[in-house]
Amino acid sequence: MRLDKNVQHVLSENKIILGAYANRLTPVPPDWSLDESDGAQPFRTDLSPNDYCDDFVSIWTNELGVQMIGGCCGITPEHILYLKNHTLHPNEI
């Protein structure tokens, strides 16, 4: 997965940076509906701070040029601290 060179050029020329953030919710089935839901979507138990960094953030930053990283539901302060301490530019997080 790579960011298209034309898209990279447009982003750069217009000084637009990309950001990304994930949540830690389990996948939502394709046939899911709110009417039939019986509660909150459960969190994944297999996405440690290290896994978030290695399996997602590193791809976003290295292959897609993402420069701003965050987290949503279930991404904890520990996940963000791990990113701060284990990225090439920790002062930019």
PDB file of N, CA and C in Angstrom:
ATOM      1  N   MET A   1       0.856  -1.156   0.000  1.00  0.00           N
ATOM      2  CA  MET A   1       0.000   0.000   0.000  1.00  0.00           C
ATOM      3  C   MET A   1       0.906   1.224   0.000  1.00  0.00           C
ATOM      4  N   ARG A   2       0.746   2.077  -0.960  1.00  0.00           N
ATOM      5  CA  ARG A   2       1.530   3.302  -1.061  1.00  0.00           C
ATOM      6  C   ARG A   2       0.610   4.444  -1.481  1.00  0.00           C
ATOM      7  N   LEU A   3       0.972   5.629  -1.042  1.00  0.00           N
ATOM      8  CA  LEU A   3       0.218   6.810  -1.441  1.00  0.00           C
ATOM      9  C   LEU A   3       0.617   7.172  -2.863  1.00  0.00           C
ATOM     10  N   ASP A   4      -0.345   7.372  -3.724  1.00  0.00           N
ATOM     11  CA  ASP A   4      -0.129   7.741  -5.109  1.00  0.00           C
ATOM     12  C   ASP A   4       0.739   8.991  -5.203  1.00  0.00           C
ATOM     13  N   LYS A   5       1.686   8.995  -6.124  1.00  0.00           N
ATOM     14  CA  LYS A   5       2.606  10.138  -6.288  1.00  0.00           C
ATOM     15  C   LYS A   5       1.862  11.431  -6.597  1.00  0.00           C
ATOM     16  N   ASN A   6       0.792  11.361  -7.373  1.00  0.00           N
ATOM     17  CA  ASN A   6       0.015  12.568  -7.679  1.00  0.00           C
ATOM     18  C   ASN A   6      -0.647  13.126  -6.424  1.00  0.00           C
ATOM     19  N   VAL A   7      -1.155  12.236  -5.596  1.00  0.00           N
ATOM     20  CA  VAL A   7      -1.776  12.657  -4.340  1.00  0.00           C
ATOM     21  C   VAL A   7      -0.713  13.261  -3.430  1.00  0.00           C
ATOM     22  N   GLN A   8       0.458  12.626  -3.356  1.00  0.00           N
ATOM     23  CA  GLN A   8       1.555  13.171  -2.558  1.00  0.00           C
ATOM     24  C   GLN A   8       1.899  14.588  -3.009  1.00  0.00           C
ATOM     25  N   HIS A   9       1.957  14.787  -4.310  1.00  0.00           N
ATOM     26  CA  HIS A   9       2.291  16.102  -4.855  1.00  0.00           C
ATOM     27  C   HIS A   9       1.238  17.141  -4.465  1.00  0.00           C
ATOM     28  N   VAL A  10      -0.020  16.820  -4.632  1.00  0.00           N
ATOM     29  CA  VAL A  10      -1.098  17.758  -4.291  1.00  0.00           C
ATOM     30  C   VAL A  10      -1.059  18.095  -2.800  1.00  0.00           C
ATOM     31  N   LEU A  11      -0.873  17.086  -1.969  1.00  0.00           N
ATOM     32  CA  LEU A  11      -0.809  17.327  -0.525  1.00  0.00           C
ATOM     33  C   LEU A  11       0.366  18.237  -0.187  1.00  0.00           C
ATOM     34  N   SER A  12       1.508  17.944  -0.757  1.00  0.00           N
ATOM     35  CA  SER A  12       2.706  18.728  -0.477  1.00  0.00           C
ATOM     36  C   SER A  12       2.567  20.166  -0.970  1.00  0.00           C
ATOM     37  N   GLU A  13       2.121  20.327  -2.191  1.00  0.00           N
ATOM     38  CA  GLU A  13       1.968  21.665  -2.779  1.00  0.00           C
ATOM     39  C   GLU A  13       0.991  22.533  -1.993  1.00  0.00           C
ATOM     40  N   ASN A  14      -0.008  21.903  -1.403  1.00  0.00           N
ATOM     41  CA  ASN A  14      -1.031  22.647  -0.667  1.00  0.00           C
ATOM     42  C   ASN A  14      -0.815  22.623   0.845  1.00  0.00           C
ATOM     43  N   LYS A  15       0.353  22.102   1.252  1.00  0.00           N
ATOM     44  CA  LYS A  15       0.717  22.041   2.673  1.00  0.00           C
ATOM     45  C   LYS A  15      -0.358  21.351   3.524  1.00  0.00           C
ATOM     46  N   ILE A  16      -0.867  20.246   2.986  1.00  0.00           N
ATOM     47  CA  ILE A  16      -1.873  19.440   3.678  1.00  0.00           C
ATOM     48  C   ILE A  16      -1.179  18.233   4.280  1.00  0.00           C
ATOM     49  N   ILE A  17      -1.404  17.991   5.564  1.00  0.00           N
ATOM     50  CA  ILE A  17      -0.855  16.799   6.182  1.00  0.00           C
ATOM     51  C   ILE A  17      -1.972  15.791   6.421  1.00  0.00           C
ATOM     52  N   LEU A  18      -1.601  14.523   6.400  1.00  0.00           N
ATOM     53  CA  LEU A  18      -2.566  13.461   6.645  1.00  0.00           C
ATOM     54  C   LEU A  18      -2.513  13.040   8.106  1.00  0.00           C
ATOM     55  N   GLY A  19      -3.663  12.730   8.647  1.00  0.00           N
ATOM     56  CA  GLY A  19      -3.770  12.211   9.992  1.00  0.00           C
ATOM     57  C   GLY A  19      -4.559  10.914   9.968  1.00  0.00           C
ATOM     58  N   ALA A  20      -4.348  10.089  10.972  1.00  0.00           N
ATOM     59  CA  ALA A  20      -5.080   8.831  11.068  1.00  0.00           C
ATOM     60  C   ALA A  20      -5.234   8.446  12.525  1.00  0.00           C
ATOM     61  N   TYR A  21      -6.295   7.750  12.813  1.00  0.00           N
ATOM     62  CA  TYR A  21      -6.495   7.203  14.145  1.00  0.00           C
ATOM     63  C   TYR A  21      -7.416   5.999  14.026  1.00  0.00           C
ATOM     64  N   ALA A  22      -7.182   5.051  14.904  1.00  0.00           N
ATOM     65  CA  ALA A  22      -7.991   3.826  14.904  1.00  0.00           C
ATOM     66  C   ALA A  22      -8.737   3.716  16.219  1.00  0.00           C
ATOM     67  N   ASN A  23      -9.663   2.800  16.241  1.00  0.00           N
ATOM     68  CA  ASN A  23     -10.295   2.435  17.510  1.00  0.00           C
ATOM     69  C   ASN A  23      -9.928   0.989  17.812  1.00  0.00           C
ATOM     70  N   ARG A  24     -10.311   0.506  18.958  1.00  0.00           N
ATOM     71  CA  ARG A  24      -9.991  -0.856  19.374  1.00  0.00           C
ATOM     72  C   ARG A  24     -11.252  -1.714  19.422  1.00  0.00           C
ATOM     73  N   LEU A  25     -12.268  -1.333  18.685  1.00  0.00           N
ATOM     74  CA  LEU A  25     -13.514  -2.102  18.668  1.00  0.00           C
ATOM     75  C   LEU A  25     -13.364  -3.338  17.794  1.00  0.00           C
ATOM     76  N   THR A  26     -14.125  -4.368  18.124  1.00  0.00           N
ATOM     77  CA  THR A  26     -14.140  -5.571  17.295  1.00  0.00           C
ATOM     78  C   THR A  26     -14.807  -5.241  15.966  1.00  0.00           C
ATOM     79  N   PRO A  27     -14.517  -6.012  14.919  1.00  0.00           N
ATOM     80  CA  PRO A  27     -15.148  -5.746  13.624  1.00  0.00           C
ATOM     81  C   PRO A  27     -16.675  -5.820  13.709  1.00  0.00           C
ATOM     82  N   VAL A  28     -17.309  -4.956  12.964  1.00  0.00           N
ATOM     83  CA  VAL A  28     -18.770  -4.921  12.915  1.00  0.00           C
ATOM     84  C   VAL A  28     -19.224  -5.827  11.770  1.00  0.00           C
ATOM     85  N   PRO A  29     -20.077  -6.805  12.053  1.00  0.00           N
ATOM     86  CA  PRO A  29     -20.551  -7.694  10.988  1.00  0.00           C
ATOM     87  C   PRO A  29     -21.284  -6.906   9.893  1.00  0.00           C
ATOM     88  N   PRO A  30     -21.180  -7.347   8.642  1.00  0.00           N
ATOM     89  CA  PRO A  30     -21.826  -6.625   7.536  1.00  0.00           C
ATOM     90  C   PRO A  30     -23.343  -6.505   7.680  1.00  0.00           C
ATOM     91  N   ASP A  31     -23.967  -7.462   8.367  1.00  0.00           N
ATOM     92  CA  ASP A  31     -25.422  -7.442   8.504  1.00  0.00           C
ATOM     93  C   ASP A  31     -25.880  -6.794   9.816  1.00  0.00           C
ATOM     94  N   TRP A  32     -24.970  -6.113  10.513  1.00  0.00           N
ATOM     95  CA  TRP A  32     -25.291  -5.483  11.795  1.00  0.00           C
ATOM     96  C   TRP A  32     -26.279  -4.343  11.594  1.00  0.00           C
ATOM     97  N   SER A  33     -27.196  -4.186  12.557  1.00  0.00           N
ATOM     98  CA  SER A  33     -28.087  -3.026  12.550  1.00  0.00           C
ATOM     99  C   SER A  33     -28.262  -2.535  13.980  1.00  0.00           C
ATOM    100  N   LEU A  34     -28.425  -1.248  14.128  1.00  0.00           N
ATOM    101  CA  LEU A  34     -28.598  -0.655  15.442  1.00  0.00           C
ATOM    102  C   LEU A  34     -29.859  -1.188  16.111  1.00  0.00           C
ATOM    103  N   ASP A  35     -30.917  -1.391  15.336  1.00  0.00           N
ATOM    104  CA  ASP A  35     -32.180  -1.888  15.889  1.00  0.00           C
ATOM    105  C   ASP A  35     -32.020  -3.243  16.573  1.00  0.00           C
ATOM    106  N   GLU A  36     -31.124  -4.074  16.043  1.00  0.00           N
ATOM    107  CA  GLU A  36     -30.948  -5.416  16.588  1.00  0.00           C
ATOM    108  C   GLU A  36     -29.777  -5.515  17.562  1.00  0.00           C
ATOM    109  N   SER A  37     -29.132  -4.418  17.816  1.00  0.00           N
ATOM    110  CA  SER A  37     -27.984  -4.414  18.720  1.00  0.00           C
ATOM    111  C   SER A  37     -28.448  -4.600  20.158  1.00  0.00           C
ATOM    112  N   ASP A  38     -27.684  -5.388  20.917  1.00  0.00           N
ATOM    113  CA  ASP A  38     -28.058  -5.610  22.307  1.00  0.00           C
ATOM    114  C   ASP A  38     -27.085  -4.942  23.288  1.00  0.00           C
ATOM    115  N   GLY A  39     -26.220  -4.088  22.776  1.00  0.00           N
ATOM    116  CA  GLY A  39     -25.286  -3.391  23.662  1.00  0.00           C
ATOM    117  C   GLY A  39     -24.135  -2.784  22.902  1.00  0.00           C
ATOM    118  N   ALA A  40     -23.191  -2.301  23.670  1.00  0.00           N
ATOM    119  CA  ALA A  40     -22.030  -1.647  23.072  1.00  0.00           C
ATOM    120  C   ALA A  40     -21.144  -2.660  22.348  1.00  0.00           C
ATOM    121  N   GLN A  41     -20.491  -2.193  21.318  1.00  0.00           N
ATOM    122  CA  GLN A  41     -19.540  -3.025  20.580  1.00  0.00           C
ATOM    123  C   GLN A  41     -18.351  -3.335  21.498  1.00  0.00           C
ATOM    124  N   PRO A  42     -17.978  -4.596  21.659  1.00  0.00           N
ATOM    125  CA  PRO A  42     -16.873  -4.924  22.566  1.00  0.00           C
ATOM    126  C   PRO A  42     -15.520  -4.502  21.992  1.00  0.00           C
ATOM    127  N   PHE A  43     -14.576  -4.270  22.890  1.00  0.00           N
ATOM    128  CA  PHE A  43     -13.211  -3.944  22.499  1.00  0.00           C
ATOM    129  C   PHE A  43     -12.441  -5.197  22.132  1.00  0.00           C
ATOM    130  N   ARG A  44     -11.509  -5.046  21.208  1.00  0.00           N
ATOM    131  CA  ARG A  44     -10.542  -6.093  20.913  1.00  0.00           C
ATOM    132  C   ARG A  44      -9.628  -6.252  22.124  1.00  0.00           C
ATOM    133  N   THR A  45      -9.156  -7.454  22.339  1.00  0.00           N
ATOM    134  CA  THR A  45      -8.208  -7.700  23.428  1.00  0.00           C
ATOM    135  C   THR A  45      -6.807  -7.958  22.882  1.00  0.00           C
ATOM    136  N   ASP A  46      -6.655  -7.894  21.574  1.00  0.00           N
ATOM    137  CA  ASP A  46      -5.378  -8.253  20.949  1.00  0.00           C
ATOM    138  C   ASP A  46      -4.642  -7.056  20.348  1.00  0.00           C
ATOM    139  N   LEU A  47      -4.938  -5.853  20.798  1.00  0.00           N
ATOM    140  CA  LEU A  47      -4.288  -4.679  20.214  1.00  0.00           C
ATOM    141  C   LEU A  47      -3.552  -3.904  21.306  1.00  0.00           C
ATOM    142  N   SER A  48      -2.389  -4.417  21.663  1.00  0.00           N
ATOM    143  CA  SER A  48      -1.549  -3.771  22.670  1.00  0.00           C
ATOM    144  C   SER A  48      -0.976  -2.473  22.087  1.00  0.00           C
ATOM    145  N   PRO A  49      -0.418  -1.619  22.920  1.00  0.00           N
ATOM    146  CA  PRO A  49       0.245  -0.424  22.391  1.00  0.00           C
ATOM    147  C   PRO A  49       1.318  -0.765  21.357  1.00  0.00           C
ATOM    148  N   ASN A  50       2.098  -1.813  21.601  1.00  0.00           N
ATOM    149  CA  ASN A  50       3.118  -2.227  20.647  1.00  0.00           C
ATOM    150  C   ASN A  50       2.485  -2.657  19.322  1.00  0.00           C
ATOM    151  N   ASP A  51       1.404  -3.438  19.398  1.00  0.00           N
ATOM    152  CA  ASP A  51       0.729  -3.894  18.181  1.00  0.00           C
ATOM    153  C   ASP A  51       0.128  -2.723  17.403  1.00  0.00           C
ATOM    154  N   TYR A  52      -0.454  -1.763  18.100  1.00  0.00           N
ATOM    155  CA  TYR A  52      -1.023  -0.585  17.432  1.00  0.00           C
ATOM    156  C   TYR A  52       0.070   0.134  16.650  1.00  0.00           C
ATOM    157  N   CYS A  53       1.222   0.294  17.282  1.00  0.00           N
ATOM    158  CA  CYS A  53       2.341   0.970  16.636  1.00  0.00           C
ATOM    159  C   CYS A  53       2.857   0.167  15.442  1.00  0.00           C
ATOM    160  N   ASP A  54       3.117  -1.113  15.653  1.00  0.00           N
ATOM    161  CA  ASP A  54       3.722  -1.941  14.609  1.00  0.00           C
ATOM    162  C   ASP A  54       2.765  -2.301  13.477  1.00  0.00           C
ATOM    163  N   ASP A  55       1.519  -2.610  13.814  1.00  0.00           N
ATOM    164  CA  ASP A  55       0.579  -3.124  12.814  1.00  0.00           C
ATOM    165  C   ASP A  55      -0.200  -2.041  12.072  1.00  0.00           C
ATOM    166  N   PHE A  56      -0.300  -0.863  12.654  1.00  0.00           N
ATOM    167  CA  PHE A  56      -1.078   0.199  12.029  1.00  0.00           C
ATOM    168  C   PHE A  56      -0.252   1.458  11.792  1.00  0.00           C
ATOM    169  N   VAL A  57       0.235   2.045  12.872  1.00  0.00           N
ATOM    170  CA  VAL A  57       0.908   3.342  12.775  1.00  0.00           C
ATOM    171  C   VAL A  57       2.115   3.287  11.848  1.00  0.00           C
ATOM    172  N   SER A  58       2.907   2.235  11.932  1.00  0.00           N
ATOM    173  CA  SER A  58       4.098   2.164  11.075  1.00  0.00           C
ATOM    174  C   SER A  58       3.717   2.112   9.596  1.00  0.00           C
ATOM    175  N   ILE A  59       2.632   1.452   9.261  1.00  0.00           N
ATOM    176  CA  ILE A  59       2.162   1.414   7.868  1.00  0.00           C
ATOM    177  C   ILE A  59       1.669   2.793   7.449  1.00  0.00           C
ATOM    178  N   TRP A  60       0.875   3.419   8.316  1.00  0.00           N
ATOM    179  CA  TRP A  60       0.352   4.750   7.979  1.00  0.00           C
ATOM    180  C   TRP A  60       1.486   5.741   7.726  1.00  0.00           C
ATOM    181  N   THR A  61       2.488   5.725   8.602  1.00  0.00           N
ATOM    182  CA  THR A  61       3.562   6.717   8.488  1.00  0.00           C
ATOM    183  C   THR A  61       4.555   6.367   7.389  1.00  0.00           C
ATOM    184  N   ASN A  62       4.938   5.108   7.282  1.00  0.00           N
ATOM    185  CA  ASN A  62       5.966   4.715   6.320  1.00  0.00           C
ATOM    186  C   ASN A  62       5.459   4.559   4.895  1.00  0.00           C
ATOM    187  N   GLU A  63       4.225   4.131   4.743  1.00  0.00           N
ATOM    188  CA  GLU A  63       3.718   3.859   3.403  1.00  0.00           C
ATOM    189  C   GLU A  63       2.728   4.898   2.896  1.00  0.00           C
ATOM    190  N   LEU A  64       2.062   5.582   3.800  1.00  0.00           N
ATOM    191  CA  LEU A  64       1.032   6.529   3.375  1.00  0.00           C
ATOM    192  C   LEU A  64       1.378   7.987   3.697  1.00  0.00           C
ATOM    193  N   GLY A  65       2.492   8.205   4.361  1.00  0.00           N
ATOM    194  CA  GLY A  65       2.915   9.568   4.651  1.00  0.00           C
ATOM    195  C   GLY A  65       2.122  10.275   5.733  1.00  0.00           C
ATOM    196  N   VAL A  66       1.418   9.511   6.564  1.00  0.00           N
ATOM    197  CA  VAL A  66       0.643  10.120   7.641  1.00  0.00           C
ATOM    198  C   VAL A  66       1.590  10.783   8.629  1.00  0.00           C
ATOM    199  N   GLN A  67       1.239  12.000   9.054  1.00  0.00           N
ATOM    200  CA  GLN A  67       2.093  12.764   9.952  1.00  0.00           C
ATOM    201  C   GLN A  67       1.457  13.045  11.310  1.00  0.00           C
ATOM    202  N   MET A  68       0.173  12.828  11.431  1.00  0.00           N
ATOM    203  CA  MET A  68      -0.521  13.102  12.687  1.00  0.00           C
ATOM    204  C   MET A  68      -1.286  11.836  13.086  1.00  0.00           C
ATOM    205  N   ILE A  69      -0.978  11.298  14.262  1.00  0.00           N
ATOM    206  CA  ILE A  69      -1.558  10.038  14.714  1.00  0.00           C
ATOM    207  C   ILE A  69      -2.316  10.267  16.014  1.00  0.00           C
ATOM    208  N   GLY A  70      -3.437   9.596  16.148  1.00  0.00           N
ATOM    209  CA  GLY A  70      -4.210   9.670  17.380  1.00  0.00           C
ATOM    210  C   GLY A  70      -4.862   8.334  17.658  1.00  0.00           C
ATOM    211  N   GLY A  71      -5.911   8.378  18.431  1.00  0.00           N
ATOM    212  CA  GLY A  71      -6.642   7.170  18.754  1.00  0.00           C
ATOM    213  C   GLY A  71      -8.060   7.524  19.151  1.00  0.00           C
ATOM    214  N   CYS A  72      -8.938   6.553  19.021  1.00  0.00           N
ATOM    215  CA  CYS A  72     -10.337   6.752  19.363  1.00  0.00           C
ATOM    216  C   CYS A  72     -10.721   5.681  20.377  1.00  0.00           C
ATOM    217  N   CYS A  73     -11.947   5.273  20.372  1.00  0.00           N
ATOM    218  CA  CYS A  73     -12.506   4.350  21.359  1.00  0.00           C
ATOM    219  C   CYS A  73     -11.589   3.167  21.646  1.00  0.00           C
ATOM    220  N   GLY A  74     -11.134   3.083  22.883  1.00  0.00           N
ATOM    221  CA  GLY A  74     -10.318   1.965  23.318  1.00  0.00           C
ATOM    222  C   GLY A  74      -8.829   2.149  23.147  1.00  0.00           C
ATOM    223  N   ILE A  75      -8.419   3.142  22.388  1.00  0.00           N
ATOM    224  CA  ILE A  75      -6.995   3.464  22.304  1.00  0.00           C
ATOM    225  C   ILE A  75      -6.698   4.309  23.540  1.00  0.00           C
ATOM    226  N   THR A  76      -5.854   3.776  24.393  1.00  0.00           N
ATOM    227  CA  THR A  76      -5.660   4.339  25.719  1.00  0.00           C
ATOM    228  C   THR A  76      -4.489   5.320  25.772  1.00  0.00           C
ATOM    229  N   PRO A  77      -4.370   6.056  26.871  1.00  0.00           N
ATOM    230  CA  PRO A  77      -3.182   6.893  27.045  1.00  0.00           C
ATOM    231  C   PRO A  77      -1.889   6.080  26.930  1.00  0.00           C
ATOM    232  N   GLU A  78      -1.928   4.814  27.330  1.00  0.00           N
ATOM    233  CA  GLU A  78      -0.744   3.965  27.206  1.00  0.00           C
ATOM    234  C   GLU A  78      -0.369   3.739  25.741  1.00  0.00           C
ATOM    235  N   HIS A  79      -1.364   3.611  24.865  1.00  0.00           N
ATOM    236  CA  HIS A  79      -1.090   3.474  23.431  1.00  0.00           C
ATOM    237  C   HIS A  79      -0.390   4.734  22.913  1.00  0.00           C
ATOM    238  N   ILE A  80      -0.905   5.891  23.279  1.00  0.00           N
ATOM    239  CA  ILE A  80      -0.341   7.152  22.801  1.00  0.00           C
ATOM    240  C   ILE A  80       1.060   7.361  23.375  1.00  0.00           C
ATOM    241  N   LEU A  81       1.258   7.032  24.647  1.00  0.00           N
ATOM    242  CA  LEU A  81       2.582   7.150  25.253  1.00  0.00           C
ATOM    243  C   LEU A  81       3.580   6.235  24.547  1.00  0.00           C
ATOM    244  N   TYR A  82       3.137   5.034  24.209  1.00  0.00           N
ATOM    245  CA  TYR A  82       4.012   4.114  23.483  1.00  0.00           C
ATOM    246  C   TYR A  82       4.432   4.734  22.152  1.00  0.00           C
ATOM    247  N   LEU A  83       3.481   5.327  21.436  1.00  0.00           N
ATOM    248  CA  LEU A  83       3.815   5.974  20.169  1.00  0.00           C
ATOM    249  C   LEU A  83       4.832   7.087  20.383  1.00  0.00           C
ATOM    250  N   LYS A  84       4.628   7.871  21.402  1.00  0.00           N
ATOM    251  CA  LYS A  84       5.548   8.973  21.698  1.00  0.00           C
ATOM    252  C   LYS A  84       6.957   8.458  21.932  1.00  0.00           C
ATOM    253  N   ASN A  85       7.061   7.345  22.637  1.00  0.00           N
ATOM    254  CA  ASN A  85       8.367   6.815  23.013  1.00  0.00           C
ATOM    255  C   ASN A  85       9.014   5.917  21.959  1.00  0.00           C
ATOM    256  N   HIS A  86       8.263   5.518  20.931  1.00  0.00           N
ATOM    257  CA  HIS A  86       8.795   4.552  19.963  1.00  0.00           C
ATOM    258  C   HIS A  86       8.663   4.997  18.511  1.00  0.00           C
ATOM    259  N   THR A  87       8.613   6.279  18.273  1.00  0.00           N
ATOM    260  CA  THR A  87       8.568   6.762  16.896  1.00  0.00           C
ATOM    261  C   THR A  87       9.876   7.474  16.592  1.00  0.00           C
ATOM    262  N   LEU A  88      10.117   7.719  15.325  1.00  0.00           N
ATOM    263  CA  LEU A  88      11.344   8.400  14.921  1.00  0.00           C
ATOM    264  C   LEU A  88      11.369   9.863  15.344  1.00  0.00           C
ATOM    265  N   HIS A  89      10.199  10.447  15.506  1.00  0.00           N
ATOM    266  CA  HIS A  89      10.092  11.866  15.850  1.00  0.00           C
ATOM    267  C   HIS A  89       9.187  12.032  17.058  1.00  0.00           C
ATOM    268  N   PRO A  90       9.615  11.585  18.232  1.00  0.00           N
ATOM    269  CA  PRO A  90       8.726  11.592  19.398  1.00  0.00           C
ATOM    270  C   PRO A  90       8.270  12.973  19.816  1.00  0.00           C
ATOM    271  N   ASN A  91       8.987  14.017  19.500  1.00  0.00           N
ATOM    272  CA  ASN A  91       8.566  15.363  19.886  1.00  0.00           C
ATOM    273  C   ASN A  91       7.440  15.888  19.024  1.00  0.00           C
ATOM    274  N   GLU A  92       7.141  15.200  17.932  1.00  0.00           N
ATOM    275  CA  GLU A  92       6.073  15.652  17.041  1.00  0.00           C
ATOM    276  C   GLU A  92       4.734  15.031  17.370  1.00  0.00           C
ATOM    277  N   ILE A  93       4.691  14.142  18.352  1.00  0.00           N
ATOM    278  CA  ILE A  93       3.418  13.498  18.706  1.00  0.00           C
ATOM    279  C   ILE A  93       2.741  14.282  19.803  1.00  0.00           C
TER     280      ILE A  93
END
